[in-house]
Protein backbone atom coordinates (compact mmCIF):
# COMPACT_ATOMS: atom_id res chain seq x y z
CA UNK A 1 14.76 -16.23 0.87
CA UNK A 2 11.22 -17.45 0.35
CA UNK A 3 9.73 -19.58 -2.42
CA UNK A 4 9.49 -16.72 -4.93
CA UNK A 5 13.06 -15.49 -4.55
CA UNK A 6 14.27 -19.07 -4.63
CA UNK A 7 12.47 -19.61 -7.92
CA UNK A 8 13.68 -16.46 -9.67
CA UNK A 9 17.21 -17.14 -8.49
CA UNK A 10 17.26 -20.74 -9.70
CA UNK A 11 15.31 -20.31 -12.96
CA UNK A 12 17.47 -20.48 -16.14
CA UNK A 13 15.15 -17.94 -17.80
CA UNK A 14 13.48 -14.83 -16.31
CA UNK A 15 10.32 -15.62 -14.37
CA UNK A 16 7.08 -13.89 -15.29
CA UNK A 17 4.52 -12.20 -13.01
CA UNK A 18 1.28 -11.20 -14.74
CA UNK A 19 -1.35 -8.69 -13.77
CA UNK A 20 -4.15 -10.35 -15.71
CA UNK A 21 -7.21 -9.56 -13.58
CA UNK A 22 -8.87 -7.12 -15.98
CA UNK A 23 -8.02 -9.20 -19.05
CA UNK A 24 -9.18 -12.57 -17.70
CA UNK A 25 -12.28 -10.99 -16.16
CA UNK A 26 -13.33 -10.06 -19.69
CA UNK A 27 -12.09 -13.21 -21.38
CA UNK A 28 -13.08 -15.88 -18.86
CA UNK A 29 -15.75 -14.32 -16.65
CA UNK A 30 -17.87 -12.20 -18.97
CA UNK A 31 -16.32 -8.95 -17.64
CA UNK A 32 -17.63 -9.66 -14.13
CA UNK A 33 -15.08 -11.48 -11.99
CA UNK A 34 -16.74 -13.81 -9.44
CA UNK A 35 -15.13 -12.20 -6.40
CA UNK A 36 -18.04 -12.89 -4.07
CA UNK A 37 -18.10 -16.67 -4.55
CA UNK A 38 -14.91 -18.25 -3.26
CA UNK A 39 -15.24 -21.49 -5.23
CA UNK A 40 -15.97 -19.66 -8.48
CA UNK A 41 -13.16 -17.20 -7.86
CA UNK A 42 -10.70 -20.07 -7.37
CA UNK A 43 -11.96 -21.79 -10.52
CA UNK A 44 -11.60 -18.56 -12.53
CA UNK A 45 -8.06 -17.95 -11.27
CA UNK A 46 -7.16 -21.59 -12.04
CA UNK A 47 -8.38 -21.15 -15.63
CA UNK A 48 -6.33 -17.98 -15.97
CA UNK A 49 -3.29 -19.76 -14.61
CA UNK A 50 -3.67 -22.67 -17.01
CA UNK A 51 -4.14 -20.34 -20.00
CA UNK A 52 -1.36 -17.83 -19.30
CA UNK A 53 1.10 -19.93 -17.26
CA UNK A 54 2.66 -17.19 -15.11
CA UNK A 55 5.30 -18.24 -12.60
CA UNK A 56 3.42 -16.89 -9.60
CA UNK A 57 -0.26 -17.27 -8.68
CA UNK A 58 -1.65 -13.86 -7.77
CA UNK A 59 -4.70 -12.78 -5.81
CA UNK A 60 -5.28 -9.07 -6.37
CA UNK A 61 -7.21 -7.93 -3.31
CA UNK A 62 -8.11 -4.45 -4.56
CA UNK A 63 -10.95 -5.37 -6.97
CA UNK A 64 -12.16 -8.01 -4.53
CA UNK A 65 -12.54 -5.32 -1.86
CA UNK A 66 -14.47 -3.06 -4.23
CA UNK A 67 -16.89 -5.88 -5.01
CA UNK A 68 -17.26 -6.70 -1.31
CA UNK A 69 -18.11 -3.11 -0.37
CA UNK A 70 -20.68 -2.86 -3.17
CA UNK A 71 -22.36 -6.13 -2.13
CA UNK A 72 -22.63 -5.40 1.62
CA UNK A 73 -24.74 -2.29 2.22
CA UNK A 74 -24.87 -2.80 6.01
CA UNK A 75 -21.10 -2.84 6.18
CA UNK A 76 -20.97 0.21 3.93
CA UNK A 77 -23.34 2.08 6.25
CA UNK A 78 -21.14 1.19 9.20
CA UNK A 79 -18.15 2.51 7.29
CA UNK A 80 -20.05 5.76 6.67
CA UNK A 81 -20.71 6.33 10.36
CA UNK A 82 -17.45 8.24 10.85
CA UNK A 83 -15.86 10.75 8.50
CA UNK A 84 -12.35 10.28 9.86
CA UNK A 85 -10.22 9.53 6.81
CA UNK A 86 -8.92 6.15 8.00
CA UNK A 87 -12.15 4.90 9.62
CA UNK A 88 -13.69 3.21 6.55
CA UNK A 89 -10.52 1.21 5.91
CA UNK A 90 -10.22 0.21 9.56
CA UNK A 91 -13.81 -1.07 9.64
CA UNK A 92 -13.49 -2.89 6.32
CA UNK A 93 -10.26 -4.69 7.15
CA UNK A 94 -11.61 -5.76 10.54
CA UNK A 95 -14.66 -7.42 8.96
CA UNK A 96 -14.41 -11.08 9.95
CA UNK A 97 -16.58 -12.32 7.09
CA UNK A 98 -14.27 -10.59 4.60
CA UNK A 99 -11.19 -12.10 6.22
CA UNK A 100 -12.68 -15.58 6.08
CA UNK A 101 -13.64 -15.08 2.43
CA UNK A 102 -10.16 -13.98 1.39
CA UNK A 103 -8.60 -16.84 3.36
CA UNK A 104 -10.90 -19.34 1.64
CA UNK A 105 -9.83 -18.11 -1.79
CA UNK A 106 -6.16 -18.18 -0.85
CA UNK A 107 -6.40 -21.70 0.52
CA UNK A 108 -8.26 -22.83 -2.59
CA UNK A 109 -5.52 -21.40 -4.78
CA UNK A 110 -2.88 -22.99 -2.58
CA UNK A 111 -4.53 -26.40 -2.84
CA UNK A 112 -4.69 -26.25 -6.64
CA UNK A 113 -1.25 -24.82 -7.41
CA UNK A 114 2.26 -25.84 -6.46
CA UNK A 115 3.96 -22.58 -7.46
CA UNK A 116 4.47 -19.46 -5.33
CA UNK A 117 1.24 -17.85 -4.14
CA UNK A 118 1.10 -14.06 -3.88
CA UNK A 119 -1.32 -11.54 -2.48
CA UNK A 120 -1.24 -8.08 -4.07
CA UNK A 121 -2.57 -5.27 -1.90
CA UNK A 122 -2.78 -1.51 -2.33
CA UNK A 123 -0.30 0.42 -0.26
CA UNK A 124 -1.88 1.69 2.99
CA UNK A 125 -2.20 5.30 1.71
CA UNK A 126 -3.75 4.16 -1.55
CA UNK A 127 -6.07 1.81 0.31
CA UNK A 128 -7.32 4.75 2.38
CA UNK A 129 -8.10 6.62 -0.82
CA UNK A 130 -9.75 3.65 -2.54
CA UNK A 131 -12.05 2.72 0.34
CA UNK A 132 -12.95 6.26 1.34
CA UNK A 133 -13.88 7.09 -2.23
CA UNK A 134 -15.99 3.93 -2.51
CA UNK A 135 -17.95 4.91 0.60
CA UNK A 136 -18.19 8.71 0.38
CA UNK A 137 -17.42 9.49 -3.26
CA UNK A 138 -14.71 11.97 -2.28
CA UNK A 139 -11.00 11.68 -3.05
CA UNK A 140 -9.09 12.38 0.17
CA UNK A 141 -5.39 13.17 0.25
CA UNK A 142 -3.85 10.98 2.95
CA UNK A 143 -0.67 12.22 4.56
CA UNK A 144 2.02 10.57 6.63
CA UNK A 145 -0.06 10.26 9.82
CA UNK A 146 -2.96 8.61 8.03
CA UNK A 147 -0.58 6.26 6.22
CA UNK A 148 0.99 5.24 9.53
CA UNK A 149 -2.40 4.43 11.04
CA UNK A 150 -3.53 2.53 7.97
CA UNK A 151 -0.37 0.43 7.96
CA UNK A 152 -1.32 -0.93 11.39
CA UNK A 153 -4.79 -1.89 10.14
CA UNK A 154 -3.25 -3.60 7.11
CA UNK A 155 -0.75 -5.49 9.26
CA UNK A 156 -3.56 -6.77 11.49
CA UNK A 157 -5.55 -7.80 8.42
CA UNK A 158 -2.60 -9.78 7.05
CA UNK A 159 -2.28 -11.77 10.26
CA UNK A 160 -5.53 -13.50 9.32
CA UNK A 161 -3.72 -15.30 6.47
CA UNK A 162 -0.83 -16.79 8.38
CA UNK A 163 -2.10 -20.30 7.63
CA UNK A 164 -3.33 -19.69 4.08
CA UNK A 165 -0.16 -20.83 2.33
CA UNK A 166 1.01 -17.47 1.00
CA UNK A 167 4.59 -17.06 -0.22
CA UNK A 168 4.70 -13.47 -1.46
CA UNK A 169 3.22 -10.09 -0.55
CA UNK A 170 3.24 -7.32 -3.15
CA UNK A 171 2.45 -3.77 -2.03
CA UNK A 172 1.12 -1.81 -5.00
CA UNK A 173 1.80 1.91 -4.79
CA UNK A 174 1.85 2.60 -8.52
CA UNK A 175 -1.55 4.32 -8.62
CA UNK A 176 -1.24 6.29 -5.39
CA UNK A 177 -0.44 9.57 -7.09
CA UNK A 178 -2.54 11.56 -4.60
CA UNK A 179 -0.54 10.47 -1.56
CA UNK A 180 0.53 13.70 0.14
CA UNK A 181 3.99 12.38 1.03
CA UNK A 182 5.17 9.93 -1.66
CA UNK A 183 8.72 10.01 -0.34
CA UNK A 184 7.61 9.08 3.18
CA UNK A 185 8.32 5.40 3.76
CA UNK A 186 7.86 4.61 7.44
CA UNK A 187 4.37 3.24 6.76
CA UNK A 188 5.98 0.27 5.03
CA UNK A 189 7.63 -1.04 8.15
CA UNK A 190 4.56 -2.49 9.89
CA UNK A 191 3.61 -4.34 6.72
CA UNK A 192 7.17 -5.52 6.06
CA UNK A 193 7.46 -6.75 9.65
CA UNK A 194 4.40 -8.96 9.21
CA UNK A 195 5.78 -10.39 5.97
CA UNK A 196 9.08 -11.12 7.67
CA UNK A 197 7.33 -12.80 10.60
CA UNK A 198 5.50 -15.20 8.28
CA UNK A 199 8.51 -15.61 5.98
CA UNK A 200 6.79 -14.11 2.97
CA UNK A 201 8.90 -12.48 0.29
CA UNK A 202 7.79 -8.85 0.17
CA UNK A 203 8.01 -6.37 -2.68
CA UNK A 204 6.84 -2.94 -3.71
CA UNK A 205 5.53 -1.75 -7.06
CA UNK A 206 5.80 2.02 -7.36
CA UNK A 207 6.01 4.86 -9.85
CA UNK A 208 8.75 6.63 -7.89
CA UNK A 209 12.34 5.75 -7.08
CA UNK A 210 13.33 4.21 -3.75
CA UNK A 211 16.53 3.49 -1.86
CA UNK A 212 16.25 -0.26 -2.25
CA UNK A 213 19.22 -1.11 -0.05
CA UNK A 214 17.58 0.63 2.92
CA UNK A 215 14.01 -0.35 2.12
CA UNK A 216 13.78 -3.74 3.81
CA UNK A 217 12.16 -5.11 0.66
CA UNK A 218 13.06 -8.27 -1.25
CA UNK A 219 12.23 -6.80 -4.66
CA UNK A 220 11.09 -3.56 -6.24
CA UNK A 221 8.95 -3.53 -9.40
CA UNK A 222 9.57 -0.58 -11.71
CA UNK A 223 10.96 -0.04 -15.22
CA UNK A 224 14.36 0.05 -13.51
CA UNK A 225 13.49 -2.03 -10.47
CA UNK A 226 15.55 -4.29 -8.27
CA UNK A 227 15.19 -8.03 -8.94
CA UNK A 228 12.21 -7.08 -11.10
CA UNK A 229 11.40 -5.15 -14.26
CA UNK A 230 7.99 -3.74 -15.16
CA UNK A 231 7.29 -4.16 -18.85
CA UNK A 232 5.54 -1.08 -20.20
CA UNK A 233 2.19 -1.06 -21.97
CA UNK A 234 3.94 -0.36 -25.27
CA UNK A 235 5.24 -3.92 -25.27
CA UNK A 236 1.74 -5.18 -26.01
CA UNK A 237 1.71 -3.05 -29.18
CA UNK A 238 5.26 -3.49 -30.44
CA UNK A 239 6.31 -6.85 -29.04
CA UNK A 240 9.80 -5.47 -28.33
CA UNK A 241 11.20 -7.35 -25.32
CA UNK A 242 13.61 -5.28 -23.20
CA UNK A 243 16.70 -6.97 -21.82
CA UNK A 244 16.74 -7.89 -18.16
CA UNK A 245 19.36 -8.36 -15.48
CA UNK A 246 20.08 -12.02 -14.67
CA UNK A 247 18.31 -13.17 -11.53
CA UNK A 248 15.42 -10.76 -12.04
CA UNK A 249 11.82 -11.32 -13.11
CA UNK A 250 9.42 -9.48 -15.41
CA UNK A 251 6.10 -7.96 -14.37
CA UNK A 252 3.53 -6.84 -16.89
CA UNK A 253 -0.15 -5.93 -17.00
CA UNK A 254 -2.15 -7.47 -19.82
CA UNK A 255 -4.47 -4.86 -21.39
CA UNK A 256 -8.12 -5.58 -20.73
CA UNK A 257 -9.01 -5.40 -24.43
CA UNK A 258 -6.01 -7.39 -25.71
CA UNK A 259 -6.68 -10.06 -28.33
CA UNK A 260 -6.08 -13.61 -27.04
CA UNK A 261 -3.89 -14.67 -29.97
CA UNK A 262 -1.66 -11.63 -29.54
CA UNK A 263 -1.45 -12.18 -25.78
CA UNK A 264 -0.16 -15.71 -26.24
CA UNK A 265 2.33 -14.52 -28.86
CA UNK A 266 3.64 -11.77 -26.59
CA UNK A 267 3.96 -14.12 -23.62
CA UNK A 268 5.87 -16.61 -25.76
CA UNK A 269 8.28 -13.81 -26.72
CA UNK A 270 8.83 -12.94 -23.06
CA UNK A 271 9.57 -16.55 -22.20
CA UNK A 272 12.03 -17.03 -25.04
CA UNK A 273 14.10 -13.89 -24.46
């Protein structure tokens, strides 16, 4: 087990993983997260950590990538040079300046936090969709072959962070509703293999059921996940805390427009139950 699984196993109360990017972008960064300045991004994430006190420090790569594409027109033109569905993602993830930027943020977070450090990435099929749409404006429908190719690009991208101090890799598939083969899972293996090589705990967040025992994953985030439970959006309205299996952790997304006082109240309820 890695640092994250060790923590959730040893903790006397359920650990808490927060998706707070949208909320703290509004609250602490004037709605515009400073993704393009590594020092400012680290400072913003440190403020969010100090305010919300989650048990894992998360870097959500998806909005960072969107900001990077928008800010680099020459790279975007290069990505537009080929219409092959996976080409834009391949070119983006191979960009050395982007890799160095992400590594700098990760190392800054590692230097300022002692807890587990996680990177959250879109699943390879969803990453194809996200990047292709950003470049061409179309919404492709990646299938199994495209997902397999993309997984190799993602695995190569992740190798760049072997020395960045990461502890956890979360693959986020929850929004990939246009994936042509949601039950197809072989694309995970290349990414899982990299996580295993660097001794990162690796998990999946998805809106569909999986065979966890055959998945090769360390945890699965869903309303009825394994070693993890996703708290639904209704919690932020009602405050009703669902029970959780011992040795598991809770994952929840803070609504972007949530009121700060209510957020702190809801987080206190999660920690006390």
